């Protein structure tokens, strides 16, 4: 008598930790290092560009609003990827805010600044905020199934 065994494969994650001092000149370098990690994935370039914009917004917010001691603070990124999902958590030392109160921009009131949360939500699949020991924003992007990938 033969037995049939079923196994479920565990999803393997690659993880990187990246940090930078809270200095305006370091934001683009931090974003660049994060994207170097994610660019070595099977995600299409348009999805990576969307994620890069969302990461830039999260890093800028962490620097502007989450660094009460200026360049004595740092912005930290935990980057995770597998074949189907990219996740980045951007953390700072700020006291947090209510993301539901962040106003959605309107065409007649497009200002420089104030669009970060809106853009993060528009460009990623999931945006989550956590307010413990500072502020952490978690951005998630899933690989979309396309007819070519089947």
C-alpha atoms as a PDB file:
ATOM      1  CA  UNK A   1       0.000   0.000   0.000  1.00  0.00           C
ATOM      2  CA  UNK A   2       1.446   3.385  -0.965  1.00  0.00           C
ATOM      3  CA  UNK A   3       0.906   6.596   0.910  1.00  0.00           C
ATOM      4  CA  UNK A   4       0.617   9.994  -0.663  1.00  0.00           C
ATOM      5  CA  UNK A   5       2.326  12.787   1.254  1.00  0.00           C
ATOM      6  CA  UNK A   6       1.586  16.428   0.722  1.00  0.00           C
ATOM      7  CA  UNK A   7       4.117  19.118   1.532  1.00  0.00           C
ATOM      8  CA  UNK A   8       3.608  22.824   1.616  1.00  0.00           C
ATOM      9  CA  UNK A   9       6.612  24.940   0.691  1.00  0.00           C
ATOM     10  CA  UNK A  10       7.512  27.799   2.961  1.00  0.00           C
ATOM     11  CA  UNK A  11       8.034  31.200   1.332  1.00  0.00           C
ATOM     12  CA  UNK A  12      11.646  32.302   1.762  1.00  0.00           C
ATOM     13  CA  UNK A  13      12.318  35.940   2.510  1.00  0.00           C
ATOM     14  CA  UNK A  14      15.439  37.957   1.852  1.00  0.00           C
ATOM     15  CA  UNK A  15      15.856  40.699   4.437  1.00  0.00           C
ATOM     16  CA  UNK A  16      18.050  43.798   4.595  1.00  0.00           C
ATOM     17  CA  UNK A  17      18.391  46.450   7.293  1.00  0.00           C
ATOM     18  CA  UNK A  18      19.451  49.915   6.144  1.00  0.00           C
ATOM     19  CA  UNK A  19      19.718  53.141   8.130  1.00  0.00           C
ATOM     20  CA  UNK A  20      20.782  56.730   7.592  1.00  0.00           C
ATOM     21  CA  UNK A  21      21.249  59.764   9.762  1.00  0.00           C
ATOM     22  CA  UNK A  22      18.257  62.141   9.703  1.00  0.00           C
ATOM     23  CA  UNK A  23      19.830  64.627   7.344  1.00  0.00           C
ATOM     24  CA  UNK A  24      18.038  65.961   4.249  1.00  0.00           C
ATOM     25  CA  UNK A  25      21.062  65.065   2.137  1.00  0.00           C
ATOM     26  CA  UNK A  26      20.758  61.407   3.182  1.00  0.00           C
ATOM     27  CA  UNK A  27      17.173  60.780   1.998  1.00  0.00           C
ATOM     28  CA  UNK A  28      18.048  60.101  -1.631  1.00  0.00           C
ATOM     29  CA  UNK A  29      20.936  57.839  -0.590  1.00  0.00           C
ATOM     30  CA  UNK A  30      18.654  55.849   1.714  1.00  0.00           C
ATOM     31  CA  UNK A  31      16.011  55.519  -1.014  1.00  0.00           C
ATOM     32  CA  UNK A  32      18.720  54.439  -3.475  1.00  0.00           C
ATOM     33  CA  UNK A  33      20.071  51.729  -1.138  1.00  0.00           C
ATOM     34  CA  UNK A  34      16.557  50.397  -0.503  1.00  0.00           C
ATOM     35  CA  UNK A  35      15.847  50.261  -4.232  1.00  0.00           C
ATOM     36  CA  UNK A  36      19.130  48.471  -4.944  1.00  0.00           C
ATOM     37  CA  UNK A  37      17.802  45.677  -2.745  1.00  0.00           C
ATOM     38  CA  UNK A  38      14.395  45.603  -4.479  1.00  0.00           C
ATOM     39  CA  UNK A  39      15.657  46.064  -8.049  1.00  0.00           C
ATOM     40  CA  UNK A  40      17.129  42.549  -7.907  1.00  0.00           C
ATOM     41  CA  UNK A  41      13.618  41.110  -8.068  1.00  0.00           C
ATOM     42  CA  UNK A  42      11.293  39.880 -10.793  1.00  0.00           C
ATOM     43  CA  UNK A  43       8.956  42.857 -10.403  1.00  0.00           C
ATOM     44  CA  UNK A  44       8.230  44.932 -13.517  1.00  0.00           C
ATOM     45  CA  UNK A  45       9.936  48.315 -13.725  1.00  0.00           C
ATOM     46  CA  UNK A  46       6.673  50.337 -13.454  1.00  0.00           C
ATOM     47  CA  UNK A  47       5.850  48.621 -10.127  1.00  0.00           C
ATOM     48  CA  UNK A  48       9.374  49.283  -8.855  1.00  0.00           C
ATOM     49  CA  UNK A  49       9.066  52.948  -9.881  1.00  0.00           C
ATOM     50  CA  UNK A  50       5.788  53.227  -7.942  1.00  0.00           C
ATOM     51  CA  UNK A  51       7.408  51.641  -4.904  1.00  0.00           C
ATOM     52  CA  UNK A  52      10.413  53.956  -5.172  1.00  0.00           C
ATOM     53  CA  UNK A  53       8.140  57.017  -5.145  1.00  0.00           C
ATOM     54  CA  UNK A  54       6.242  55.691  -2.098  1.00  0.00           C
ATOM     55  CA  UNK A  55       9.534  54.942  -0.321  1.00  0.00           C
ATOM     56  CA  UNK A  56      10.755  58.464  -1.073  1.00  0.00           C
ATOM     57  CA  UNK A  57       7.601  59.902   0.492  1.00  0.00           C
ATOM     58  CA  UNK A  58       7.947  57.697   3.583  1.00  0.00           C
ATOM     59  CA  UNK A  59      11.632  58.609   4.000  1.00  0.00           C
ATOM     60  CA  UNK A  60      10.920  62.316   3.560  1.00  0.00           C
ATOM     61  CA  UNK A  61       8.107  62.168   6.140  1.00  0.00           C
ATOM     62  CA  UNK A  62      10.377  60.307   8.577  1.00  0.00           C
ATOM     63  CA  UNK A  63      13.030  62.958   8.163  1.00  0.00           C
ATOM     64  CA  UNK A  64      10.703  65.980   8.362  1.00  0.00           C
ATOM     65  CA  UNK A  65       8.274  64.799  11.033  1.00  0.00           C
ATOM     66  CA  UNK A  66       9.971  61.911  12.800  1.00  0.00           C
ATOM     67  CA  UNK A  67      13.354  63.278  13.737  1.00  0.00           C
ATOM     68  CA  UNK A  68      12.826  65.527  16.761  1.00  0.00           C
ATOM     69  CA  UNK A  69      16.576  65.686  17.454  1.00  0.00           C
ATOM     70  CA  UNK A  70      17.549  66.403  13.851  1.00  0.00           C
ATOM     71  CA  UNK A  71      20.712  64.686  12.692  1.00  0.00           C
ATOM     72  CA  UNK A  72      21.090  63.009  16.091  1.00  0.00           C
ATOM     73  CA  UNK A  73      18.214  60.732  15.008  1.00  0.00           C
ATOM     74  CA  UNK A  74      18.241  58.162  12.264  1.00  0.00           C
ATOM     75  CA  UNK A  75      15.760  56.757   9.778  1.00  0.00           C
ATOM     76  CA  UNK A  76      15.724  52.962   9.620  1.00  0.00           C
ATOM     77  CA  UNK A  77      14.478  50.671   6.865  1.00  0.00           C
ATOM     78  CA  UNK A  78      13.733  46.966   7.071  1.00  0.00           C
ATOM     79  CA  UNK A  79      13.405  45.587   3.553  1.00  0.00           C
ATOM     80  CA  UNK A  80      11.902  42.173   2.806  1.00  0.00           C
ATOM     81  CA  UNK A  81      11.308  40.416  -0.479  1.00  0.00           C
ATOM     82  CA  UNK A  82      10.291  37.080  -1.874  1.00  0.00           C
ATOM     83  CA  UNK A  83       9.183  36.025  -5.342  1.00  0.00           C
ATOM     84  CA  UNK A  84       5.730  37.573  -4.950  1.00  0.00           C
ATOM     85  CA  UNK A  85       5.940  40.411  -2.424  1.00  0.00           C
ATOM     86  CA  UNK A  86       8.100  43.426  -1.576  1.00  0.00           C
ATOM     87  CA  UNK A  87       7.803  44.980   1.891  1.00  0.00           C
ATOM     88  CA  UNK A  88       9.623  47.930   3.383  1.00  0.00           C
ATOM     89  CA  UNK A  89       9.204  49.314   6.892  1.00  0.00           C
ATOM     90  CA  UNK A  90      10.482  52.863   7.392  1.00  0.00           C
ATOM     91  CA  UNK A  91      10.919  53.765  11.073  1.00  0.00           C
ATOM     92  CA  UNK A  92      11.771  56.999  12.846  1.00  0.00           C
ATOM     93  CA  UNK A  93      11.754  58.496  16.354  1.00  0.00           C
ATOM     94  CA  UNK A  94       8.655  60.661  15.881  1.00  0.00           C
ATOM     95  CA  UNK A  95       5.576  60.685  18.071  1.00  0.00           C
ATOM     96  CA  UNK A  96       3.220  59.752  15.239  1.00  0.00           C
ATOM     97  CA  UNK A  97       0.067  61.204  13.753  1.00  0.00           C
ATOM     98  CA  UNK A  98      -3.398  60.127  12.739  1.00  0.00           C
ATOM     99  CA  UNK A  99      -3.089  58.903   9.131  1.00  0.00           C
ATOM    100  CA  UNK A 100      -6.872  58.997   8.688  1.00  0.00           C
ATOM    101  CA  UNK A 101      -6.762  62.753   9.197  1.00  0.00           C
ATOM    102  CA  UNK A 102      -4.236  63.264   6.395  1.00  0.00           C
ATOM    103  CA  UNK A 103      -6.307  65.130   3.824  1.00  0.00           C
ATOM    104  CA  UNK A 104      -6.614  63.792   0.307  1.00  0.00           C
ATOM    105  CA  UNK A 105      -5.348  66.354  -2.179  1.00  0.00           C
ATOM    106  CA  UNK A 106      -7.787  68.056  -4.491  1.00  0.00           C
ATOM    107  CA  UNK A 107      -6.898  69.379  -7.959  1.00  0.00           C
ATOM    108  CA  UNK A 108      -7.405  72.980  -6.877  1.00  0.00           C
ATOM    109  CA  UNK A 109      -5.215  72.578  -3.786  1.00  0.00           C
ATOM    110  CA  UNK A 110      -2.172  70.668  -5.003  1.00  0.00           C
ATOM    111  CA  UNK A 111       0.592  71.906  -2.776  1.00  0.00           C
ATOM    112  CA  UNK A 112       4.204  70.943  -2.495  1.00  0.00           C
ATOM    113  CA  UNK A 113       4.133  68.698   0.536  1.00  0.00           C
ATOM    114  CA  UNK A 114       1.114  67.152   2.187  1.00  0.00           C
ATOM    115  CA  UNK A 115       0.637  64.436  -0.422  1.00  0.00           C
ATOM    116  CA  UNK A 116       2.875  61.743   1.077  1.00  0.00           C
ATOM    117  CA  UNK A 117       0.249  59.485   2.666  1.00  0.00           C
ATOM    118  CA  UNK A 118      -2.019  59.853  -0.363  1.00  0.00           C
ATOM    119  CA  UNK A 119       0.798  58.865  -2.748  1.00  0.00           C
ATOM    120  CA  UNK A 120       1.911  55.939  -0.580  1.00  0.00           C
ATOM    121  CA  UNK A 121      -1.647  54.574  -0.580  1.00  0.00           C
ATOM    122  CA  UNK A 122      -2.087  55.152  -4.314  1.00  0.00           C
ATOM    123  CA  UNK A 123       1.209  53.516  -5.326  1.00  0.00           C
ATOM    124  CA  UNK A 124       1.331  50.438  -3.080  1.00  0.00           C
ATOM    125  CA  UNK A 125      -1.063  47.609  -2.253  1.00  0.00           C
ATOM    126  CA  UNK A 126      -1.003  48.113   1.516  1.00  0.00           C
ATOM    127  CA  UNK A 127       0.088  50.941   3.811  1.00  0.00           C
ATOM    128  CA  UNK A 128       0.121  50.368   7.570  1.00  0.00           C
ATOM    129  CA  UNK A 129       1.240  52.622  10.396  1.00  0.00           C
ATOM    130  CA  UNK A 130       2.509  51.605  13.813  1.00  0.00           C
ATOM    131  CA  UNK A 131       3.227  54.002  16.655  1.00  0.00           C
ATOM    132  CA  UNK A 132       5.457  52.272  19.208  1.00  0.00           C
ATOM    133  CA  UNK A 133       8.912  53.573  20.007  1.00  0.00           C
ATOM    134  CA  UNK A 134       8.521  56.073  17.190  1.00  0.00           C
ATOM    135  CA  UNK A 135       6.613  55.763  13.946  1.00  0.00           C
ATOM    136  CA  UNK A 136       6.833  52.931  11.418  1.00  0.00           C
ATOM    137  CA  UNK A 137       5.159  52.927   8.019  1.00  0.00           C
ATOM    138  CA  UNK A 138       4.915  49.580   6.250  1.00  0.00           C
ATOM    139  CA  UNK A 139       4.582  49.571   2.458  1.00  0.00           C
ATOM    140  CA  UNK A 140       3.624  46.354   0.646  1.00  0.00           C
ATOM    141  CA  UNK A 141       3.710  45.692  -3.097  1.00  0.00           C
ATOM    142  CA  UNK A 142       2.518  42.361  -4.565  1.00  0.00           C
ATOM    143  CA  UNK A 143       3.547  40.919  -7.913  1.00  0.00           C
ATOM    144  CA  UNK A 144       0.618  41.004 -10.294  1.00  0.00           C
ATOM    145  CA  UNK A 145      -0.066  37.876 -12.318  1.00  0.00           C
ATOM    146  CA  UNK A 146       0.070  38.627 -16.014  1.00  0.00           C
ATOM    147  CA  UNK A 147      -0.872  36.394 -18.950  1.00  0.00           C
ATOM    148  CA  UNK A 148       2.841  36.100 -19.837  1.00  0.00           C
ATOM    149  CA  UNK A 149       3.709  34.828 -16.330  1.00  0.00           C
ATOM    150  CA  UNK A 150       1.345  31.816 -16.582  1.00  0.00           C
END
